[in-house]
């Protein structure tokens, strides 16, 4: 059974659906833990820093994007932890999953930037292609 579940979240409705599936899987055993990874895209992060008033406000804004996912996990009583990283979301999630003892990665099929997905490819596709453990893509 899956004990270390990595949930990629970006604040989209698809990442909320992915959270539901992570909770279902984690609920199957007492030993499971969900780790939520939220990757701050370098390009977006630079813009946010330039336009923010202070660091504390910026951190609250960033965490608010994944607040719905965190609420679902709190309500479910499934053990979880939050991890924030900076970088290109696809490769950052892959590197994190491959460098840690992750049993499965759960990711939404679509994120917040559908135009960029059409041109560059989706994060879920990049993760499924390169991660060394099973991947569940949630529609």
N, C-alpha and C. Protein backbone atom coordinates (compact mmCIF):
# COMPACT_ATOMS: atom_id res chain seq x y z
N UNK A 1 0.85 -1.18 0.00
CA UNK A 1 0.00 0.00 0.00
C UNK A 1 0.89 1.23 0.00
N UNK A 2 0.33 2.32 -0.42
CA UNK A 2 1.07 3.58 -0.51
C UNK A 2 1.15 4.25 0.86
N UNK A 3 2.36 4.51 1.32
CA UNK A 3 2.55 5.17 2.62
C UNK A 3 2.93 6.63 2.44
N UNK A 4 3.82 6.91 1.50
CA UNK A 4 4.28 8.28 1.26
C UNK A 4 3.68 8.79 -0.05
N UNK A 5 2.66 9.62 0.10
CA UNK A 5 1.90 10.12 -1.04
C UNK A 5 2.27 11.58 -1.28
N UNK A 6 2.74 11.89 -2.47
CA UNK A 6 3.07 13.26 -2.83
C UNK A 6 1.94 13.84 -3.66
N UNK A 7 1.33 14.89 -3.16
CA UNK A 7 0.22 15.56 -3.84
C UNK A 7 0.72 16.90 -4.38
N UNK A 8 0.70 17.04 -5.70
CA UNK A 8 1.09 18.32 -6.32
C UNK A 8 -0.13 19.22 -6.35
N UNK A 9 -0.01 20.41 -5.77
CA UNK A 9 -1.13 21.34 -5.70
C UNK A 9 -0.72 22.70 -6.26
N UNK A 10 -1.66 23.34 -6.95
CA UNK A 10 -1.39 24.67 -7.50
C UNK A 10 -2.54 25.65 -7.30
N UNK A 11 -3.58 25.22 -6.61
CA UNK A 11 -4.73 26.08 -6.39
C UNK A 11 -5.84 25.91 -7.39
N UNK A 12 -5.65 25.06 -8.38
CA UNK A 12 -6.68 24.82 -9.39
C UNK A 12 -7.73 23.84 -8.87
N UNK A 13 -8.86 23.80 -9.54
CA UNK A 13 -9.92 22.86 -9.18
C UNK A 13 -9.44 21.42 -9.37
N UNK A 14 -8.57 21.21 -10.35
CA UNK A 14 -8.03 19.86 -10.59
C UNK A 14 -7.12 19.41 -9.44
N UNK A 15 -6.38 20.34 -8.85
CA UNK A 15 -5.55 19.94 -7.71
C UNK A 15 -6.41 19.66 -6.48
N UNK A 16 -7.57 20.31 -6.38
CA UNK A 16 -8.50 19.99 -5.29
C UNK A 16 -9.08 18.58 -5.48
N UNK A 17 -9.38 18.23 -6.72
CA UNK A 17 -9.86 16.86 -6.99
C UNK A 17 -8.76 15.84 -6.70
N UNK A 18 -7.53 16.21 -7.04
CA UNK A 18 -6.39 15.33 -6.74
C UNK A 18 -6.26 15.14 -5.23
N UNK A 19 -6.53 16.19 -4.47
CA UNK A 19 -6.49 16.08 -3.00
C UNK A 19 -7.52 15.07 -2.50
N UNK A 20 -8.70 15.08 -3.09
CA UNK A 20 -9.73 14.10 -2.71
C UNK A 20 -9.22 12.68 -2.91
N UNK A 21 -8.55 12.44 -4.03
CA UNK A 21 -8.02 11.09 -4.31
C UNK A 21 -6.88 10.74 -3.35
N UNK A 22 -6.04 11.72 -3.03
CA UNK A 22 -4.95 11.48 -2.08
C UNK A 22 -5.51 11.09 -0.72
N UNK A 23 -6.57 11.76 -0.32
CA UNK A 23 -7.22 11.46 0.96
C UNK A 23 -7.81 10.05 0.94
N UNK A 24 -8.45 9.68 -0.18
CA UNK A 24 -9.01 8.32 -0.30
C UNK A 24 -7.92 7.26 -0.16
N UNK A 25 -6.81 7.47 -0.87
CA UNK A 25 -5.72 6.50 -0.81
C UNK A 25 -5.11 6.44 0.59
N UNK A 26 -4.87 7.59 1.17
CA UNK A 26 -4.24 7.64 2.49
C UNK A 26 -5.13 7.03 3.56
N UNK A 27 -6.43 7.11 3.36
CA UNK A 27 -7.37 6.58 4.35
C UNK A 27 -7.40 5.05 4.39
N UNK A 28 -6.78 4.41 3.42
CA UNK A 28 -6.79 2.95 3.36
C UNK A 28 -5.84 2.29 4.35
N UNK A 29 -4.92 3.09 4.91
CA UNK A 29 -3.96 2.54 5.88
C UNK A 29 -3.66 3.57 6.96
N UNK A 30 -3.32 3.09 8.13
CA UNK A 30 -2.97 3.99 9.24
C UNK A 30 -1.58 4.60 9.07
N UNK A 31 -0.79 4.02 8.20
CA UNK A 31 0.60 4.44 8.07
C UNK A 31 0.85 5.46 6.97
N UNK A 32 -0.18 5.85 6.25
CA UNK A 32 -0.01 6.76 5.11
C UNK A 32 0.12 8.21 5.56
N UNK A 33 0.88 8.96 4.77
CA UNK A 33 1.06 10.38 5.00
C UNK A 33 1.05 11.08 3.65
N UNK A 34 0.33 12.20 3.57
CA UNK A 34 0.26 12.97 2.34
C UNK A 34 1.18 14.18 2.48
N UNK A 35 2.06 14.33 1.53
CA UNK A 35 2.89 15.53 1.48
C UNK A 35 2.43 16.37 0.30
N UNK A 36 2.01 17.58 0.59
CA UNK A 36 1.55 18.50 -0.45
C UNK A 36 2.74 19.32 -0.90
N UNK A 37 3.01 19.29 -2.21
CA UNK A 37 4.08 20.13 -2.75
C UNK A 37 3.46 21.21 -3.62
N UNK A 38 3.85 22.43 -3.32
CA UNK A 38 3.41 23.59 -4.08
C UNK A 38 4.66 24.25 -4.63
N UNK A 39 4.77 24.31 -5.95
CA UNK A 39 5.96 24.86 -6.58
C UNK A 39 5.67 26.26 -7.10
N UNK A 40 6.45 27.20 -6.63
CA UNK A 40 6.34 28.59 -7.08
C UNK A 40 7.16 28.74 -8.35
N UNK A 41 6.48 29.00 -9.44
CA UNK A 41 7.12 29.19 -10.73
C UNK A 41 8.03 30.42 -10.65
N UNK A 42 9.29 30.28 -11.11
CA UNK A 42 10.25 31.39 -11.04
C UNK A 42 9.71 32.68 -11.65
N UNK A 43 9.12 32.58 -12.85
CA UNK A 43 8.63 33.78 -13.52
C UNK A 43 7.54 34.48 -12.70
N UNK A 44 6.60 33.70 -12.18
CA UNK A 44 5.53 34.27 -11.37
C UNK A 44 6.06 34.79 -10.04
N UNK A 45 7.02 34.07 -9.45
CA UNK A 45 7.58 34.46 -8.16
C UNK A 45 8.27 35.81 -8.25
N UNK A 46 9.02 36.05 -9.32
CA UNK A 46 9.70 37.34 -9.50
C UNK A 46 8.70 38.47 -9.53
N UNK A 47 7.64 38.29 -10.28
CA UNK A 47 6.60 39.31 -10.40
C UNK A 47 5.91 39.56 -9.06
N UNK A 48 5.63 38.49 -8.34
CA UNK A 48 4.98 38.62 -7.04
C UNK A 48 5.84 39.41 -6.06
N UNK A 49 7.14 39.12 -6.05
CA UNK A 49 8.05 39.80 -5.14
C UNK A 49 8.11 41.29 -5.47
N UNK A 50 8.17 41.62 -6.75
CA UNK A 50 8.25 43.02 -7.16
C UNK A 50 6.99 43.80 -6.79
N UNK A 51 5.84 43.13 -6.79
CA UNK A 51 4.58 43.81 -6.53
C UNK A 51 4.04 43.64 -5.11
N UNK A 52 4.78 42.95 -4.26
CA UNK A 52 4.29 42.74 -2.90
C UNK A 52 4.77 43.84 -1.97
N UNK A 53 3.98 44.05 -0.92
CA UNK A 53 4.32 45.08 0.06
C UNK A 53 5.36 44.57 1.07
N UNK A 54 5.18 43.34 1.51
CA UNK A 54 6.15 42.76 2.44
C UNK A 54 6.15 41.25 2.33
N UNK A 55 7.16 40.65 2.90
CA UNK A 55 7.35 39.20 2.79
C UNK A 55 6.23 38.40 3.45
N UNK A 56 5.76 38.83 4.60
CA UNK A 56 4.70 38.11 5.31
C UNK A 56 3.42 38.09 4.49
N UNK A 57 3.09 39.21 3.91
CA UNK A 57 1.88 39.29 3.08
C UNK A 57 2.01 38.40 1.85
N UNK A 58 3.20 38.38 1.27
CA UNK A 58 3.46 37.54 0.10
C UNK A 58 3.30 36.07 0.45
N UNK A 59 3.82 35.63 1.59
CA UNK A 59 3.71 34.24 2.01
C UNK A 59 2.24 33.85 2.26
N UNK A 60 1.47 34.76 2.87
CA UNK A 60 0.04 34.50 3.10
C UNK A 60 -0.69 34.34 1.77
N UNK A 61 -0.36 35.18 0.81
CA UNK A 61 -1.00 35.11 -0.51
C UNK A 61 -0.68 33.78 -1.18
N UNK A 62 0.57 33.37 -1.11
CA UNK A 62 0.98 32.10 -1.72
C UNK A 62 0.27 30.91 -1.06
N UNK A 63 0.23 30.90 0.26
CA UNK A 63 -0.42 29.79 0.97
C UNK A 63 -1.92 29.77 0.74
N UNK A 64 -2.51 30.95 0.51
CA UNK A 64 -3.96 31.00 0.30
C UNK A 64 -4.37 30.24 -0.96
N UNK A 65 -3.47 30.12 -1.92
CA UNK A 65 -3.78 29.39 -3.16
C UNK A 65 -4.07 27.92 -2.90
N UNK A 66 -3.43 27.37 -1.90
CA UNK A 66 -3.62 25.95 -1.63
C UNK A 66 -4.39 25.72 -0.33
N UNK A 67 -5.04 26.75 0.16
CA UNK A 67 -5.81 26.67 1.40
C UNK A 67 -6.94 25.64 1.31
N UNK A 68 -7.62 25.56 0.16
CA UNK A 68 -8.72 24.59 0.01
C UNK A 68 -8.20 23.17 0.15
N UNK A 69 -7.03 22.90 -0.40
CA UNK A 69 -6.43 21.56 -0.29
C UNK A 69 -6.08 21.28 1.17
N UNK A 70 -5.49 22.26 1.83
CA UNK A 70 -5.11 22.07 3.23
C UNK A 70 -6.35 21.86 4.11
N UNK A 71 -7.42 22.57 3.83
CA UNK A 71 -8.67 22.39 4.59
C UNK A 71 -9.20 20.96 4.43
N UNK A 72 -9.17 20.46 3.19
CA UNK A 72 -9.64 19.09 2.95
C UNK A 72 -8.83 18.09 3.77
N UNK A 73 -7.53 18.28 3.80
CA UNK A 73 -6.67 17.36 4.55
C UNK A 73 -6.91 17.46 6.05
N UNK A 74 -7.06 18.67 6.56
CA UNK A 74 -7.35 18.85 7.99
C UNK A 74 -8.67 18.18 8.35
N UNK A 75 -9.67 18.40 7.53
CA UNK A 75 -11.00 17.84 7.80
C UNK A 75 -10.99 16.31 7.76
N UNK A 76 -10.14 15.74 6.93
CA UNK A 76 -10.08 14.28 6.78
C UNK A 76 -9.33 13.59 7.90
N UNK A 77 -8.52 14.33 8.63
CA UNK A 77 -7.68 13.80 9.70
C UNK A 77 -6.56 12.90 9.17
N UNK A 78 -6.27 12.97 7.88
CA UNK A 78 -5.14 12.25 7.31
C UNK A 78 -3.86 13.03 7.64
N UNK A 79 -2.83 12.36 8.13
CA UNK A 79 -1.58 13.07 8.41
C UNK A 79 -1.02 13.69 7.12
N UNK A 80 -0.56 14.93 7.23
CA UNK A 80 -0.02 15.60 6.05
C UNK A 80 1.02 16.63 6.45
N UNK A 81 1.79 17.05 5.46
CA UNK A 81 2.70 18.17 5.65
C UNK A 81 2.76 18.95 4.34
N UNK A 82 3.11 20.22 4.46
CA UNK A 82 3.15 21.12 3.32
C UNK A 82 4.61 21.42 2.98
N UNK A 83 4.93 21.40 1.68
CA UNK A 83 6.26 21.73 1.21
C UNK A 83 6.15 22.73 0.08
N UNK A 84 6.89 23.83 0.18
CA UNK A 84 6.93 24.83 -0.90
C UNK A 84 8.32 24.82 -1.51
N UNK A 85 8.34 24.84 -2.83
CA UNK A 85 9.60 24.87 -3.57
C UNK A 85 9.52 25.98 -4.62
N UNK A 86 10.68 26.42 -5.09
CA UNK A 86 10.76 27.39 -6.18
C UNK A 86 11.32 26.68 -7.40
N UNK A 87 10.80 27.00 -8.57
CA UNK A 87 11.34 26.43 -9.80
C UNK A 87 10.27 26.23 -10.84
N UNK A 88 10.64 25.50 -11.87
CA UNK A 88 9.71 25.11 -12.93
C UNK A 88 8.91 23.93 -12.36
N UNK A 89 7.58 24.04 -12.28
CA UNK A 89 6.80 23.02 -11.56
C UNK A 89 7.06 21.57 -11.96
N UNK A 90 7.03 21.25 -13.25
CA UNK A 90 7.22 19.85 -13.68
C UNK A 90 8.53 19.25 -13.19
N UNK A 91 9.66 19.81 -13.61
CA UNK A 91 10.95 19.26 -13.18
C UNK A 91 11.17 19.30 -11.67
N UNK A 92 10.63 20.30 -11.00
CA UNK A 92 10.81 20.40 -9.55
C UNK A 92 10.06 19.28 -8.84
N UNK A 93 8.84 19.00 -9.27
CA UNK A 93 8.07 17.90 -8.68
C UNK A 93 8.76 16.56 -8.95
N UNK A 94 9.23 16.37 -10.16
CA UNK A 94 9.93 15.13 -10.52
C UNK A 94 11.17 14.94 -9.65
N UNK A 95 11.99 15.99 -9.55
CA UNK A 95 13.22 15.89 -8.75
C UNK A 95 12.89 15.59 -7.29
N UNK A 96 11.89 16.26 -6.75
CA UNK A 96 11.52 16.04 -5.35
C UNK A 96 11.04 14.60 -5.14
N UNK A 97 10.18 14.12 -6.01
CA UNK A 97 9.66 12.75 -5.88
C UNK A 97 10.78 11.73 -6.01
N UNK A 98 11.67 11.94 -6.96
CA UNK A 98 12.75 10.98 -7.19
C UNK A 98 13.81 11.02 -6.09
N UNK A 99 13.96 12.16 -5.40
CA UNK A 99 14.97 12.29 -4.36
C UNK A 99 14.46 11.90 -2.97
N UNK A 100 13.16 11.69 -2.84
CA UNK A 100 12.57 11.32 -1.56
C UNK A 100 11.91 9.95 -1.68
N UNK A 101 11.53 9.40 -0.57
CA UNK A 101 10.94 8.07 -0.55
C UNK A 101 9.44 8.16 -0.82
N UNK A 102 9.08 8.53 -2.05
CA UNK A 102 7.69 8.73 -2.43
C UNK A 102 7.16 7.45 -3.09
N UNK A 103 5.99 7.00 -2.66
CA UNK A 103 5.39 5.79 -3.22
C UNK A 103 4.50 6.07 -4.42
N UNK A 104 3.85 7.25 -4.42
CA UNK A 104 2.97 7.63 -5.53
C UNK A 104 2.86 9.15 -5.57
N UNK A 105 2.77 9.68 -6.78
CA UNK A 105 2.54 11.11 -6.98
C UNK A 105 1.12 11.27 -7.52
N UNK A 106 0.38 12.19 -6.93
CA UNK A 106 -0.97 12.48 -7.39
C UNK A 106 -0.99 13.92 -7.87
N UNK A 107 -1.47 14.12 -9.09
CA UNK A 107 -1.46 15.45 -9.70
C UNK A 107 -2.73 15.63 -10.51
N UNK A 108 -3.23 16.86 -10.55
CA UNK A 108 -4.39 17.17 -11.37
C UNK A 108 -4.02 17.18 -12.84
N UNK A 109 -5.00 16.89 -13.70
CA UNK A 109 -4.72 16.82 -15.13
C UNK A 109 -4.49 18.19 -15.75
N UNK A 110 -5.02 19.21 -15.15
CA UNK A 110 -4.86 20.57 -15.65
C UNK A 110 -4.55 21.48 -14.49
N UNK A 111 -3.77 22.52 -14.76
CA UNK A 111 -3.42 23.48 -13.72
C UNK A 111 -4.07 24.82 -13.98
N UNK A 112 -3.43 25.85 -13.50
CA UNK A 112 -3.97 27.20 -13.60
C UNK A 112 -3.71 27.86 -14.95
N UNK A 113 -2.68 27.43 -15.67
CA UNK A 113 -2.31 28.12 -16.89
C UNK A 113 -2.52 27.23 -18.12
N UNK A 114 -3.74 27.19 -18.64
CA UNK A 114 -4.05 26.28 -19.75
C UNK A 114 -3.40 26.70 -21.06
N UNK A 115 -3.19 27.99 -21.27
CA UNK A 115 -2.53 28.45 -22.50
C UNK A 115 -1.09 27.94 -22.54
N UNK A 116 -0.38 28.08 -21.43
CA UNK A 116 0.99 27.61 -21.36
C UNK A 116 1.05 26.09 -21.55
N UNK A 117 0.08 25.37 -21.02
CA UNK A 117 0.04 23.91 -21.17
C UNK A 117 -0.02 23.52 -22.64
N UNK A 118 -0.84 24.24 -23.42
CA UNK A 118 -0.98 23.89 -24.83
C UNK A 118 0.33 24.07 -25.59
N UNK A 119 1.10 25.07 -25.22
CA UNK A 119 2.34 25.36 -25.92
C UNK A 119 3.50 24.51 -25.40
N UNK A 120 3.64 24.39 -24.09
CA UNK A 120 4.81 23.76 -23.49
C UNK A 120 4.58 22.35 -22.97
N UNK A 121 3.34 21.94 -22.85
CA UNK A 121 3.03 20.63 -22.29
C UNK A 121 2.64 20.77 -20.84
N UNK A 122 1.78 19.89 -20.38
CA UNK A 122 1.26 20.01 -19.02
C UNK A 122 2.26 19.51 -17.99
N UNK A 123 2.11 20.02 -16.78
CA UNK A 123 2.94 19.57 -15.66
C UNK A 123 2.69 18.09 -15.41
N UNK A 124 1.42 17.68 -15.47
CA UNK A 124 1.09 16.28 -15.21
C UNK A 124 1.78 15.35 -16.22
N UNK A 125 1.85 15.77 -17.46
CA UNK A 125 2.52 14.96 -18.49
C UNK A 125 4.02 14.85 -18.20
N UNK A 126 4.64 15.97 -17.83
CA UNK A 126 6.07 15.97 -17.50
C UNK A 126 6.36 15.07 -16.31
N UNK A 127 5.49 15.15 -15.30
CA UNK A 127 5.68 14.33 -14.10
C UNK A 127 5.52 12.85 -14.44
N UNK A 128 4.45 12.50 -15.14
CA UNK A 128 4.19 11.09 -15.48
C UNK A 128 5.31 10.49 -16.31
N UNK A 129 5.91 11.31 -17.13
CA UNK A 129 6.96 10.83 -18.03
C UNK A 129 8.29 10.58 -17.32
N UNK A 130 8.57 11.33 -16.27
CA UNK A 130 9.93 11.31 -15.71
C UNK A 130 10.06 10.81 -14.27
N UNK A 131 8.96 10.72 -13.53
CA UNK A 131 9.07 10.30 -12.14
C UNK A 131 9.24 8.79 -12.08
N UNK A 132 9.94 8.31 -11.05
CA UNK A 132 10.28 6.88 -10.95
C UNK A 132 9.25 6.04 -10.19
N UNK A 133 8.19 6.66 -9.70
CA UNK A 133 7.16 5.91 -8.98
C UNK A 133 5.83 6.04 -9.73
N UNK A 134 4.82 5.32 -9.32
CA UNK A 134 3.52 5.45 -9.98
C UNK A 134 2.97 6.88 -9.88
N UNK A 135 2.19 7.27 -10.88
CA UNK A 135 1.59 8.60 -10.92
C UNK A 135 0.10 8.44 -11.18
N UNK A 136 -0.70 9.14 -10.39
CA UNK A 136 -2.13 9.17 -10.58
C UNK A 136 -2.50 10.57 -11.07
N UNK A 137 -3.02 10.67 -12.30
CA UNK A 137 -3.44 11.94 -12.85
C UNK A 137 -4.95 12.01 -12.73
N UNK A 138 -5.42 13.03 -12.02
CA UNK A 138 -6.85 13.16 -11.71
C UNK A 138 -7.48 14.20 -12.60
N UNK A 139 -8.59 13.81 -13.26
CA UNK A 139 -9.33 14.74 -14.12
C UNK A 139 -10.38 15.47 -13.33
